[in-house]
Amino acid sequence: MLSLSIEDVPARDRVDFLYETIWSSVLPVEMTFAPNPADIDVRFRVGQAGRVNVSSARSSANALHRTPALVRRDHEPQLFLAVQTAGTTVVEQGGSRAVLRPGDMTVYDSTRPYTVENRELTELHYVRIPRDALALPDRRLTPLLAVRIGGDTNPLAPAVGSFFGTLATSDALDHPDAARRVAEPAIELIRAMLAVHGGADHQARASSEGSLVLRVTQYVRDHLHERDLGPHRIAAAHHISVRHLYAVLADAGVGSLRAMIQEQRLDACRRDLRDRRHAHQAVATIGRRWGFVDPSHFGRVFRQTFGLTPAEWRRGAPTDER
């Protein structure tokens, strides 16, 4: 965890310091503070768990504005979970407005304009995850943006708040193995809370089912190079049976999980074979890196798919693009 305090920064430099810190460690936003820079009081702590960014901020009154111009800038779509621990904060996005007091939470999206207004001395934990990691369809997520979530509206809210409060204030993320292992449970916990908050039980189940194909696809991409990637491992990672995994994929039009994995592995091999950074590596080595243990089988399926052998494809013009 990286800890920063503004008290040692000269007053004249505080606004620039905060812009540099927030833009580099969280996300580009416009900010407004007290007229007198000497009155600005901010303490900031940030850590990383895989693709999950966890930060904690104690600040005097201020406002953060994700403007339309900043939204149009190229960036990876992100979702934020704000967990209020002290003071009052108002989050507005897409016509919705959540007033947060201690124990409350809300989510908002980096791909649309938003405002976060801290009306007094406040303390919040912020959790940032890539939208594709959450894997909730827009139609499920959009109605939940800038909506207050609390213990009175969602049975999972106290557990979620406690979990991320501990991550943000302890030294857990200072330990690389612990940080790596907690990333996926953190995403699953947010997904579960939002699915429950989506409404009735059947709606929550539909939300979870609707995102399962996206989550499985992302899991395959993340573990494509691992030779034991297969239906049993994928099903176990998502806490479902292999039969249910196949049923959900079939409903989504995925005819063969094995074929999907092989297709993505072949695409990865094709990229690496043309990548000059791998020019010193043998064709078989590249095949093994992406799960093709038998060079003969690799060459055969590559030619069946692309009409050329791996060696023939490699003799084409190399590129730096992955």
Protein backbone atom coordinates (compact mmCIF):
# COMPACT_ATOMS: atom_id res chain seq x y z
CA MET A 1 0.00 0.00 0.00
CA LEU A 2 1.23 3.51 -0.88
CA SER A 3 0.36 6.20 1.68
CA LEU A 4 0.37 9.92 0.91
CA SER A 5 -0.40 12.97 3.05
CA ILE A 6 -0.69 16.50 1.79
CA GLU A 7 0.35 18.14 5.04
CA ASP A 8 4.01 18.19 4.02
CA VAL A 9 3.26 19.71 0.60
CA PRO A 10 3.52 23.54 0.41
CA ALA A 11 0.09 25.13 0.06
CA ARG A 12 0.89 26.60 -3.36
CA ASP A 13 1.67 23.12 -4.72
CA ARG A 14 -1.22 21.17 -3.22
CA VAL A 15 -3.67 21.36 -6.11
CA ASP A 16 -1.03 20.28 -8.64
CA PHE A 17 0.10 17.50 -6.30
CA LEU A 18 -3.43 16.15 -6.00
CA TYR A 19 -4.03 16.28 -9.75
CA GLU A 20 -0.83 14.34 -10.41
CA THR A 21 -1.62 11.78 -7.71
CA ILE A 22 -5.26 11.15 -8.64
CA TRP A 23 -4.65 11.12 -12.40
CA SER A 24 -1.74 8.69 -12.16
CA SER A 25 -3.08 6.31 -9.49
CA VAL A 26 -6.87 6.40 -9.98
CA LEU A 27 -8.41 8.10 -13.04
CA PRO A 28 -8.34 11.52 -14.76
CA VAL A 29 -10.95 13.83 -13.20
CA GLU A 30 -11.40 17.56 -12.76
CA MET A 31 -11.36 18.68 -9.13
CA THR A 32 -12.54 21.63 -7.06
CA PHE A 33 -11.25 22.43 -3.58
CA ALA A 34 -11.47 25.10 -0.91
CA PRO A 35 -10.54 28.56 -2.25
CA ASN A 36 -7.55 28.72 0.07
CA PRO A 37 -5.07 25.90 -0.75
CA ALA A 38 -3.87 25.99 2.87
CA ASP A 39 -7.28 24.61 3.90
CA ILE A 40 -6.95 21.52 1.69
CA ASP A 41 -6.53 18.40 3.82
CA VAL A 42 -6.12 15.05 2.07
CA ARG A 43 -4.67 11.72 3.15
CA PHE A 44 -4.59 8.99 0.56
CA ARG A 45 -3.72 5.29 0.61
CA VAL A 46 -3.74 3.04 -2.44
CA GLY A 47 -2.93 -0.61 -3.14
CA GLN A 48 -3.35 -3.17 -5.88
CA ALA A 49 -4.75 -6.72 -5.86
CA GLY A 50 -4.43 -8.12 -9.35
CA ARG A 51 -6.80 -6.06 -11.50
CA VAL A 52 -8.47 -4.57 -8.42
CA ASN A 53 -7.34 -1.15 -7.19
CA VAL A 54 -8.20 -0.36 -3.56
CA SER A 55 -7.76 3.13 -2.14
CA SER A 56 -8.76 5.00 0.99
CA ALA A 57 -9.11 8.78 1.21
CA ARG A 58 -9.66 11.20 4.07
CA SER A 59 -10.32 14.67 2.69
CA SER A 60 -11.73 18.10 3.37
CA ALA A 61 -14.67 19.29 1.28
CA ASN A 62 -14.06 18.87 -2.47
CA ALA A 63 -15.67 17.64 -5.66
CA LEU A 64 -14.47 15.34 -8.43
CA HIS A 65 -15.91 15.72 -11.93
CA ARG A 66 -15.57 13.13 -14.66
CA THR A 67 -16.37 15.43 -17.57
CA PRO A 68 -17.64 14.44 -21.04
CA ALA A 69 -14.26 15.45 -22.48
CA LEU A 70 -12.41 13.11 -20.12
CA VAL A 71 -14.88 10.31 -20.82
CA ARG A 72 -14.06 10.55 -24.53
CA ARG A 73 -10.37 9.95 -23.87
CA ASP A 74 -9.10 6.45 -24.61
CA HIS A 75 -9.08 4.39 -21.43
CA GLU A 76 -10.01 0.97 -20.12
CA PRO A 77 -13.64 1.09 -18.89
CA GLN A 78 -13.69 0.95 -15.10
CA LEU A 79 -16.29 0.51 -12.38
CA PHE A 80 -15.92 2.18 -9.00
CA LEU A 81 -17.40 1.08 -5.69
CA ALA A 82 -17.42 3.85 -3.06
CA VAL A 83 -17.69 2.78 0.59
CA GLN A 84 -18.49 5.66 2.98
CA THR A 85 -16.94 5.55 6.45
CA ALA A 86 -17.28 9.18 7.65
CA GLY A 87 -19.03 12.38 6.56
CA THR A 88 -21.46 12.88 3.69
CA THR A 89 -20.77 12.33 -0.02
CA VAL A 90 -23.11 12.81 -2.98
CA VAL A 91 -22.53 10.80 -6.16
CA GLU A 92 -24.40 11.71 -9.34
CA GLN A 93 -24.38 9.89 -12.66
CA GLY A 94 -26.84 9.45 -15.50
CA GLY A 95 -29.67 11.26 -13.73
CA SER A 96 -29.33 9.25 -10.50
CA ARG A 97 -28.15 10.67 -7.20
CA ALA A 98 -26.89 8.76 -4.15
CA VAL A 99 -26.40 10.51 -0.80
CA LEU A 100 -23.89 8.45 1.18
CA ARG A 101 -23.45 8.42 4.93
CA PRO A 102 -21.30 6.05 7.02
CA GLY A 103 -22.06 2.45 6.06
CA ASP A 104 -23.49 3.35 2.63
CA MET A 105 -22.07 2.42 -0.77
CA THR A 106 -22.65 3.14 -4.42
CA VAL A 107 -21.15 2.26 -7.80
CA TYR A 108 -20.37 4.48 -10.78
CA ASP A 109 -18.84 3.98 -14.20
CA SER A 110 -15.83 5.68 -15.84
CA THR A 111 -17.42 5.61 -19.31
CA ARG A 112 -20.07 8.19 -18.42
CA PRO A 113 -19.79 11.62 -16.77
CA TYR A 114 -20.16 11.69 -12.98
CA THR A 115 -19.66 13.95 -9.99
CA VAL A 116 -18.48 12.94 -6.52
CA GLU A 117 -19.05 15.75 -4.00
CA ASN A 118 -17.57 15.45 -0.50
CA ARG A 119 -19.53 18.02 1.47
CA GLU A 120 -17.40 18.05 4.61
CA LEU A 121 -14.46 16.18 6.07
CA THR A 122 -15.07 12.70 4.67
CA GLU A 123 -13.51 9.27 4.64
CA LEU A 124 -14.19 6.76 1.88
CA HIS A 125 -12.75 3.58 0.46
CA TYR A 126 -12.76 3.33 -3.32
CA VAL A 127 -12.56 0.04 -5.21
CA ARG A 128 -11.80 0.20 -8.93
CA ILE A 129 -12.17 -2.82 -11.21
CA PRO A 130 -12.21 -3.17 -15.00
CA ARG A 131 -15.72 -3.42 -16.40
CA ASP A 132 -14.85 -6.59 -18.30
CA ALA A 133 -13.71 -8.24 -15.05
CA LEU A 134 -17.10 -7.57 -13.46
CA ALA A 135 -18.82 -9.04 -16.53
CA LEU A 136 -22.30 -7.71 -15.82
CA PRO A 137 -24.29 -6.72 -18.92
CA ASP A 138 -25.07 -3.01 -19.30
CA ARG A 139 -28.80 -3.62 -18.95
CA ARG A 140 -28.17 -5.04 -15.45
CA LEU A 141 -25.55 -2.53 -14.34
CA THR A 142 -26.93 0.78 -15.63
CA PRO A 143 -29.97 0.92 -13.27
CA LEU A 144 -27.60 0.45 -10.29
CA LEU A 145 -25.27 3.37 -11.03
CA ALA A 146 -25.32 6.16 -8.41
CA VAL A 147 -27.90 4.29 -6.31
CA ARG A 148 -27.38 4.11 -2.55
CA ILE A 149 -26.62 0.61 -1.26
CA GLY A 150 -26.80 0.03 2.48
CA GLY A 151 -27.55 -2.59 5.06
CA ASP A 152 -31.22 -1.61 4.91
CA THR A 153 -31.41 -2.24 1.16
CA ASN A 154 -28.98 -5.09 0.54
CA PRO A 155 -28.15 -7.99 2.90
CA LEU A 156 -24.63 -8.26 1.50
CA ALA A 157 -23.74 -4.59 2.04
CA PRO A 158 -22.31 -4.96 5.59
CA ALA A 159 -20.07 -7.87 4.52
CA VAL A 160 -18.86 -6.01 1.43
CA GLY A 161 -18.12 -2.86 3.41
CA SER A 162 -16.24 -4.79 6.08
CA PHE A 163 -14.22 -6.73 3.51
CA PHE A 164 -13.02 -3.70 1.57
CA GLY A 165 -12.56 -1.63 4.70
CA THR A 166 -10.11 -4.25 5.96
CA LEU A 167 -8.27 -4.40 2.65
CA ALA A 168 -7.97 -0.63 2.48
CA THR A 169 -6.72 -0.10 6.04
CA SER A 170 -4.60 -3.19 6.73
CA ASP A 171 -1.25 -4.25 5.27
CA ALA A 172 -2.80 -7.25 3.45
CA LEU A 173 -2.05 -5.82 -0.01
CA ASP A 174 1.61 -5.35 0.90
CA HIS A 175 2.01 -9.12 0.54
CA PRO A 176 2.09 -10.06 -3.18
CA ASP A 177 0.73 -13.59 -2.77
CA ALA A 178 -2.12 -12.43 -0.54
CA ALA A 179 -2.93 -9.57 -2.92
CA ARG A 180 -3.00 -11.91 -5.92
CA ARG A 181 -5.26 -14.45 -4.23
CA VAL A 182 -7.78 -11.91 -2.96
CA ALA A 183 -8.40 -10.26 -6.34
CA GLU A 184 -10.97 -12.69 -7.76
CA PRO A 185 -12.95 -13.04 -4.49
CA ALA A 186 -13.11 -9.23 -4.34
CA ILE A 187 -14.63 -9.07 -7.83
CA GLU A 188 -17.04 -11.91 -7.07
CA LEU A 189 -18.20 -10.17 -3.90
CA ILE A 190 -19.02 -6.95 -5.76
CA ARG A 191 -20.76 -8.91 -8.51
CA ALA A 192 -22.85 -10.82 -5.95
CA MET A 193 -23.89 -7.63 -4.14
CA LEU A 194 -24.94 -5.95 -7.39
CA ALA A 195 -26.81 -9.04 -8.57
CA VAL A 196 -28.76 -9.13 -5.30
CA HIS A 197 -29.41 -5.39 -5.49
CA GLY A 198 -30.82 -5.81 -8.99
CA GLY A 199 -34.16 -6.89 -7.52
CA ALA A 200 -35.97 -10.14 -6.93
CA ASP A 201 -34.21 -13.47 -6.61
CA HIS A 202 -35.07 -14.51 -10.16
CA GLN A 203 -33.57 -11.24 -11.44
CA ALA A 204 -30.41 -11.81 -9.42
CA ARG A 205 -30.09 -15.28 -10.85
CA ALA A 206 -30.65 -13.96 -14.36
CA SER A 207 -27.94 -11.35 -13.84
CA SER A 208 -25.49 -13.96 -12.64
CA GLU A 209 -26.35 -16.34 -15.48
CA GLY A 210 -26.15 -13.53 -18.01
CA SER A 211 -22.62 -12.68 -16.95
CA LEU A 212 -21.33 -16.25 -16.70
CA VAL A 213 -20.42 -16.55 -20.39
CA LEU A 214 -18.50 -13.27 -20.19
CA ARG A 215 -16.70 -14.43 -17.04
CA VAL A 216 -15.83 -17.80 -18.55
CA THR A 217 -14.51 -16.12 -21.70
CA GLN A 218 -12.35 -13.77 -19.63
CA TYR A 219 -11.10 -16.69 -17.52
CA VAL A 220 -10.09 -18.58 -20.66
CA ARG A 221 -8.18 -15.53 -21.94
CA ASP A 222 -6.40 -15.09 -18.61
CA HIS A 223 -5.35 -18.77 -18.35
CA LEU A 224 -4.92 -19.64 -22.01
CA HIS A 225 -1.24 -20.55 -21.64
CA GLU A 226 -1.89 -23.11 -18.89
CA ARG A 227 -2.00 -26.69 -20.19
CA ASP A 228 -4.57 -27.95 -17.70
CA LEU A 229 -7.17 -25.42 -18.81
CA GLY A 230 -10.34 -27.39 -19.45
CA PRO A 231 -14.02 -27.75 -18.52
CA HIS A 232 -13.47 -29.22 -15.03
CA ARG A 233 -11.08 -26.47 -14.00
CA ILE A 234 -13.23 -23.72 -15.52
CA ALA A 235 -16.38 -25.06 -13.84
CA ALA A 236 -14.64 -25.32 -10.46
CA ALA A 237 -13.31 -21.77 -10.75
CA HIS A 238 -16.88 -20.52 -11.22
CA HIS A 239 -18.45 -22.80 -8.58
CA ILE A 240 -20.70 -24.63 -11.02
CA SER A 241 -20.91 -28.14 -12.40
CA VAL A 242 -19.41 -29.08 -15.76
CA ARG A 243 -22.91 -29.94 -16.96
CA HIS A 244 -24.17 -26.47 -16.04
CA LEU A 245 -21.15 -24.87 -17.72
CA TYR A 246 -21.90 -26.65 -20.98
CA ALA A 247 -25.61 -25.78 -20.75
CA VAL A 248 -24.95 -22.06 -20.26
CA LEU A 249 -22.42 -21.98 -23.11
CA ALA A 250 -24.84 -23.81 -25.40
CA ASP A 251 -27.57 -21.28 -24.60
CA ALA A 252 -25.13 -18.52 -25.57
CA GLY A 253 -24.37 -20.20 -28.90
CA VAL A 254 -20.92 -21.53 -27.94
CA GLY A 255 -20.92 -24.90 -29.65
CA SER A 256 -17.70 -26.33 -28.21
CA LEU A 257 -15.63 -25.15 -25.26
CA ARG A 258 -12.67 -27.18 -26.49
CA ALA A 259 -12.88 -25.54 -29.92
CA MET A 260 -13.12 -22.08 -28.35
CA ILE A 261 -9.97 -22.68 -26.29
CA GLN A 262 -8.07 -24.11 -29.27
CA GLU A 263 -9.11 -21.21 -31.50
CA GLN A 264 -7.85 -18.65 -29.00
CA ARG A 265 -4.60 -20.57 -28.50
CA LEU A 266 -4.01 -20.72 -32.24
CA ASP A 267 -4.60 -16.96 -32.51
CA ALA A 268 -2.03 -16.39 -29.76
CA CYS A 269 0.47 -18.64 -31.55
CA ARG A 270 -0.15 -16.80 -34.81
CA ARG A 271 0.60 -13.46 -33.14
CA ASP A 272 3.78 -14.73 -31.48
CA LEU A 273 5.09 -16.34 -34.64
CA ARG A 274 5.01 -12.97 -36.39
CA ASP A 275 6.31 -11.04 -33.36
CA ARG A 276 9.99 -10.13 -33.79
CA ARG A 277 10.42 -10.35 -30.01
CA HIS A 278 9.98 -14.13 -30.33
CA ALA A 279 11.99 -14.56 -33.52
CA HIS A 280 14.72 -16.49 -31.67
CA GLN A 281 12.28 -19.11 -30.37
CA ALA A 282 11.51 -22.36 -32.15
CA VAL A 283 8.04 -22.93 -33.57
CA ALA A 284 7.53 -25.84 -31.18
CA THR A 285 8.48 -23.64 -28.21
CA ILE A 286 5.81 -21.12 -29.12
CA GLY A 287 3.27 -23.90 -29.53
CA ARG A 288 4.11 -25.35 -26.11
CA ARG A 289 3.79 -21.91 -24.51
CA TRP A 290 0.16 -21.84 -25.59
CA GLY A 291 -0.72 -25.42 -24.63
CA PHE A 292 0.22 -27.42 -27.75
CA VAL A 293 2.48 -30.11 -26.28
CA ASP A 294 2.75 -32.22 -29.45
CA PRO A 295 4.51 -30.29 -32.27
CA SER A 296 2.94 -32.52 -34.94
CA HIS A 297 -0.56 -31.88 -33.63
CA PHE A 298 0.21 -28.15 -33.40
CA GLY A 299 1.37 -28.02 -37.01
CA ARG A 300 -1.61 -30.00 -38.23
CA VAL A 301 -4.33 -27.92 -36.54
CA PHE A 302 -2.55 -24.66 -37.40
CA ARG A 303 -2.55 -25.58 -41.10
CA GLN A 304 -6.15 -26.76 -40.97
CA THR A 305 -7.19 -23.43 -39.46
CA PHE A 306 -5.03 -20.93 -41.37
CA GLY A 307 -4.05 -22.80 -44.56
CA LEU A 308 -0.31 -22.51 -43.81
CA THR A 309 2.11 -24.34 -41.56
CA PRO A 310 3.44 -22.38 -38.56
CA ALA A 311 6.82 -22.07 -40.31
CA GLU A 312 5.22 -20.78 -43.52
CA TRP A 313 3.22 -18.22 -41.57
CA ARG A 314 6.33 -17.12 -39.69
CA ARG A 315 8.19 -16.38 -42.91
CA GLY A 316 5.74 -13.55 -43.56
CA ALA A 317 6.68 -9.97 -42.62
CA PRO A 318 7.36 -9.71 -38.86
CA THR A 319 5.65 -7.14 -36.71
CA ASP A 320 5.93 -5.60 -33.26
CA GLU A 321 2.17 -5.82 -32.76
CA ARG A 322 0.79 -8.42 -30.35
